[in-house]
Structures are given as C-alpha cells and as structure tokens.
C-alpha cells in the first residue's frame, strides 16, 4: 500500500515535467540561453584571436606592414632582454612608422621593451645615449648598445623621371640586424 501512494506523486511530477517542456515559455527561455552561450563563445574566440595577434591586418600587396617569418623566428628565439629606446617627436609620420614596427616587434617577443623619448623634453636621456637626431633608435642589452640613425632607416630613393625625392623604409632589416 505504501508503495502505491508514492507512485502517484511521481506520475504527477513526470506529467508536470513533460507539460513544462512543451510550453512556449520554456522553449523561448531555452532558445535565449543557448543563443547567449553561443554569443559568449564567439566573443571568447574572437578575444583569443585578438589577444594573440598584433591586431593589425596588412592588405598591402608587398606586405609593407608585416614582419617576415625570419624576423619572427629571431624575435621568438631571443635569450636576453633588450630595451629599445626610440628618440622621436610624437605625431610625425616617420615617428609613427617606426613606432608601429617596433610595437609589432614587442608583441612578438616578451624579451623586448619599448620606451619612447622626446629628446626635446628629456635632453638628459638624449645626451646619455649621444643622440643628435630625431628618429634615432637605441637597442640596449646589458653593456651592449647599438644605435640606429634615421639615415639607416629611411634611405633616399631616386627613380628616373621622378622629380620628388622619395625614401624607402628599411626599418625591419635594420632593427632585426641590431637585435640579432
């Protein structure tokens, strides 16, 4: 007899559960939860991609704003810390071009750190490194120091029939050689 009494509530609970699963409110609620979980998962995946990339997409034909695979290998294999000190005036085109490249180097290697110094605002630092020109970059690791001047980074380019002087940017080649 006791077992008969207990089965009756189970049947009611089962029927109630089955009816609850069929309601419109339950279906919409379930859809909302699933949709929310999918959106959160997509956001986490996108965040992961953004975190592990430099956040930049280079669509130029010659991949002007990308670092070569060889440079990335060198940066990832560094066995010492290197401080990069950029002496430049904020807001200038050449400054931004150099900064963007150096920032992408720092993203690729935890062994690199970048400091920007305006030599007019901090002449003592400029004197310490014997910097005489804007857009001079100092690579320093312990007692070792390599100074790269703007004439090594921006090289004049003359082409026949061209009246204006242009400059080619050799930042990656020069910076990677200074690091390596």
Protein backbone atom coordinates (compact mmCIF):
# COMPACT_ATOMS: atom_id res chain seq x y z
CA UNK A 1 0.00 0.00 0.00
CA UNK A 2 2.73 2.43 0.85
CA UNK A 3 4.38 1.86 -2.49
CA UNK A 4 1.11 2.74 -4.29
CA UNK A 5 0.91 6.10 -2.58
CA UNK A 6 4.43 7.07 -3.56
CA UNK A 7 3.96 6.27 -7.24
CA UNK A 8 1.05 8.64 -7.65
CA UNK A 9 3.10 11.79 -6.93
CA UNK A 10 5.87 10.57 -9.28
CA UNK A 11 3.40 10.23 -12.09
CA UNK A 12 2.13 13.75 -11.42
CA UNK A 13 5.68 15.11 -11.29
CA UNK A 14 6.51 13.36 -14.56
CA UNK A 15 3.40 14.72 -16.26
CA UNK A 16 4.15 18.20 -14.92
CA UNK A 17 7.73 18.00 -16.23
CA UNK A 18 6.56 16.80 -19.64
CA UNK A 19 3.98 19.58 -19.83
CA UNK A 20 6.57 22.15 -18.76
CA UNK A 21 8.91 21.07 -21.57
CA UNK A 22 6.12 21.66 -24.09
CA UNK A 23 5.30 25.21 -23.03
CA UNK A 24 6.17 28.15 -25.24
CA UNK A 25 7.83 29.96 -22.32
CA UNK A 26 10.22 27.04 -21.75
CA UNK A 27 11.11 26.81 -25.45
CA UNK A 28 11.83 30.55 -25.72
CA UNK A 29 13.78 30.53 -22.48
CA UNK A 30 15.90 27.62 -23.67
CA UNK A 31 16.50 29.32 -27.02
CA UNK A 32 17.58 32.51 -25.24
CA UNK A 33 20.05 30.62 -23.05
CA UNK A 34 21.52 28.70 -26.00
CA UNK A 35 21.80 31.91 -28.06
CA UNK A 36 23.52 33.70 -25.18
CA UNK A 37 26.01 30.85 -24.75
CA UNK A 38 26.80 30.87 -28.48
CA UNK A 39 27.37 34.65 -28.47
CA UNK A 40 29.63 34.39 -25.40
CA UNK A 41 31.60 31.55 -27.03
CA UNK A 42 32.07 33.59 -30.24
CA UNK A 43 33.22 36.60 -28.21
CA UNK A 44 35.74 34.47 -26.32
CA UNK A 45 37.10 33.02 -29.56
CA UNK A 46 37.44 36.49 -31.12
CA UNK A 47 39.11 37.78 -27.96
CA UNK A 48 41.58 34.89 -28.14
CA UNK A 49 42.46 35.72 -31.74
CA UNK A 50 42.82 39.42 -30.94
CA UNK A 51 44.97 38.70 -27.88
CA UNK A 52 47.40 36.50 -29.81
CA UNK A 53 47.69 38.72 -32.85
CA UNK A 54 49.01 42.22 -33.21
CA UNK A 55 45.50 43.38 -34.02
CA UNK A 56 46.58 44.51 -37.46
CA UNK A 57 45.72 43.25 -40.90
CA UNK A 58 48.17 44.06 -43.70
CA UNK A 59 46.35 44.25 -47.01
CA UNK A 60 49.19 45.86 -48.96
CA UNK A 61 50.49 43.97 -51.99
CA UNK A 62 54.09 43.77 -50.73
CA UNK A 63 53.11 43.24 -47.06
CA UNK A 64 54.77 46.52 -46.10
CA UNK A 65 53.32 46.49 -42.59
CA UNK A 66 54.05 42.84 -41.79
CA UNK A 67 57.08 41.28 -40.16
CA UNK A 68 58.79 38.50 -42.07
CA UNK A 69 58.77 34.93 -40.76
CA UNK A 70 62.55 35.06 -40.35
CA UNK A 71 62.29 38.13 -38.11
CA UNK A 72 59.57 36.45 -36.05
CA UNK A 73 61.81 33.40 -35.59
CA UNK A 74 64.66 35.62 -34.43
CA UNK A 75 62.40 37.52 -32.02
CA UNK A 76 60.98 34.33 -30.51
CA UNK A 77 64.45 32.83 -30.06
CA UNK A 78 65.92 35.77 -28.12
CA UNK A 79 67.75 34.62 -25.00
CA UNK A 80 68.31 38.04 -23.44
CA UNK A 81 66.25 41.12 -22.59
CA UNK A 82 66.64 44.07 -24.93
CA UNK A 83 65.47 47.61 -24.24
CA UNK A 84 64.52 49.61 -27.30
CA UNK A 85 64.62 53.37 -26.83
CA UNK A 86 63.08 55.47 -29.57
CA UNK A 87 64.11 59.12 -29.65
CA UNK A 88 61.46 60.93 -31.65
CA UNK A 89 58.87 63.67 -31.63
CA UNK A 90 55.29 62.40 -31.24
CA UNK A 91 52.90 62.99 -34.10
CA UNK A 92 55.30 62.86 -37.02
CA UNK A 93 54.75 60.38 -39.86
CA UNK A 94 58.23 58.83 -39.61
CA UNK A 95 57.84 58.52 -35.85
CA UNK A 96 54.56 56.66 -36.27
CA UNK A 97 56.02 54.37 -38.94
CA UNK A 98 58.96 53.45 -36.69
CA UNK A 99 56.76 53.10 -33.60
CA UNK A 100 54.28 50.83 -35.33
CA UNK A 101 57.03 48.48 -36.46
CA UNK A 102 58.75 48.45 -33.06
CA UNK A 103 55.45 47.81 -31.29
CA UNK A 104 54.87 44.79 -33.51
CA UNK A 105 58.35 43.55 -32.51
CA UNK A 106 57.45 43.90 -28.82
CA UNK A 107 54.20 41.98 -29.39
CA UNK A 108 56.17 39.07 -30.90
CA UNK A 109 58.79 38.84 -28.12
CA UNK A 110 58.46 39.16 -24.36
CA UNK A 111 62.22 39.84 -24.26
CA UNK A 112 61.76 43.29 -25.79
CA UNK A 113 60.62 46.51 -24.15
CA UNK A 114 59.98 49.82 -25.88
CA UNK A 115 60.39 53.34 -24.50
CA UNK A 116 59.63 56.50 -26.45
CA UNK A 117 61.56 59.63 -25.51
CA UNK A 118 61.12 63.10 -26.96
CA UNK A 119 64.72 64.43 -26.91
CA UNK A 120 63.45 67.99 -26.58
CA UNK A 121 61.50 67.05 -23.45
CA UNK A 122 64.28 64.87 -22.00
CA UNK A 123 67.64 66.22 -23.24
CA UNK A 124 69.49 64.37 -20.45
CA UNK A 125 68.44 60.98 -21.85
CA UNK A 126 69.39 62.11 -25.35
CA UNK A 127 72.82 63.21 -24.08
CA UNK A 128 73.29 59.92 -22.18
CA UNK A 129 72.95 57.99 -25.45
CA UNK A 130 74.69 60.65 -27.54
CA UNK A 131 71.58 61.14 -29.69
CA UNK A 132 71.85 64.06 -32.13
CA UNK A 133 68.92 63.39 -34.48
CA UNK A 134 65.23 62.62 -34.20
CA UNK A 135 64.17 59.08 -35.06
CA UNK A 136 67.30 57.56 -33.58
CA UNK A 137 66.75 54.14 -32.05
CA UNK A 138 68.91 52.62 -29.31
CA UNK A 139 68.95 48.85 -28.74
CA UNK A 140 70.43 48.10 -25.33
CA UNK A 141 71.10 44.78 -23.62
CA UNK A 142 73.27 44.89 -20.53
CA UNK A 143 76.53 46.54 -21.54
CA UNK A 144 75.86 46.09 -25.27
CA UNK A 145 74.39 49.01 -27.16
CA UNK A 146 73.55 49.50 -30.84
CA UNK A 147 72.47 52.92 -32.12
CA UNK A 148 70.50 53.12 -35.37
CA UNK A 149 70.20 56.53 -37.00
CA UNK A 150 67.40 57.81 -39.20
CA UNK A 151 69.58 57.68 -42.33
CA UNK A 152 69.84 53.90 -41.91
CA UNK A 153 66.09 53.54 -41.51
CA UNK A 154 64.96 55.90 -44.29
CA UNK A 155 67.14 55.64 -47.39
CA UNK A 156 66.68 58.12 -50.29
CA UNK A 157 65.36 56.54 -53.45
CA UNK A 158 65.81 58.14 -56.85
CA UNK A 159 63.99 56.82 -59.88
CA UNK A 160 64.38 58.04 -63.45
CA UNK A 161 61.79 60.62 -64.43
CA UNK A 162 60.82 61.31 -60.85
CA UNK A 163 61.23 64.90 -59.67
CA UNK A 164 60.49 64.40 -56.00
CA UNK A 165 62.86 62.56 -53.72
CA UNK A 166 61.30 59.56 -52.01
CA UNK A 167 62.57 57.47 -49.13
CA UNK A 168 62.44 53.72 -48.76
CA UNK A 169 61.79 52.35 -45.29
CA UNK A 170 64.33 49.74 -44.19
CA UNK A 171 63.15 49.52 -40.59
CA UNK A 172 62.68 45.77 -40.35
CA UNK A 173 66.05 44.92 -41.87
CA UNK A 174 67.94 47.45 -39.74
CA UNK A 175 66.09 46.69 -36.49
CA UNK A 176 66.40 42.93 -36.86
CA UNK A 177 70.14 43.25 -37.55
CA UNK A 178 70.51 45.46 -34.46
CA UNK A 179 68.73 42.87 -32.31
CA UNK A 180 70.47 39.84 -33.77
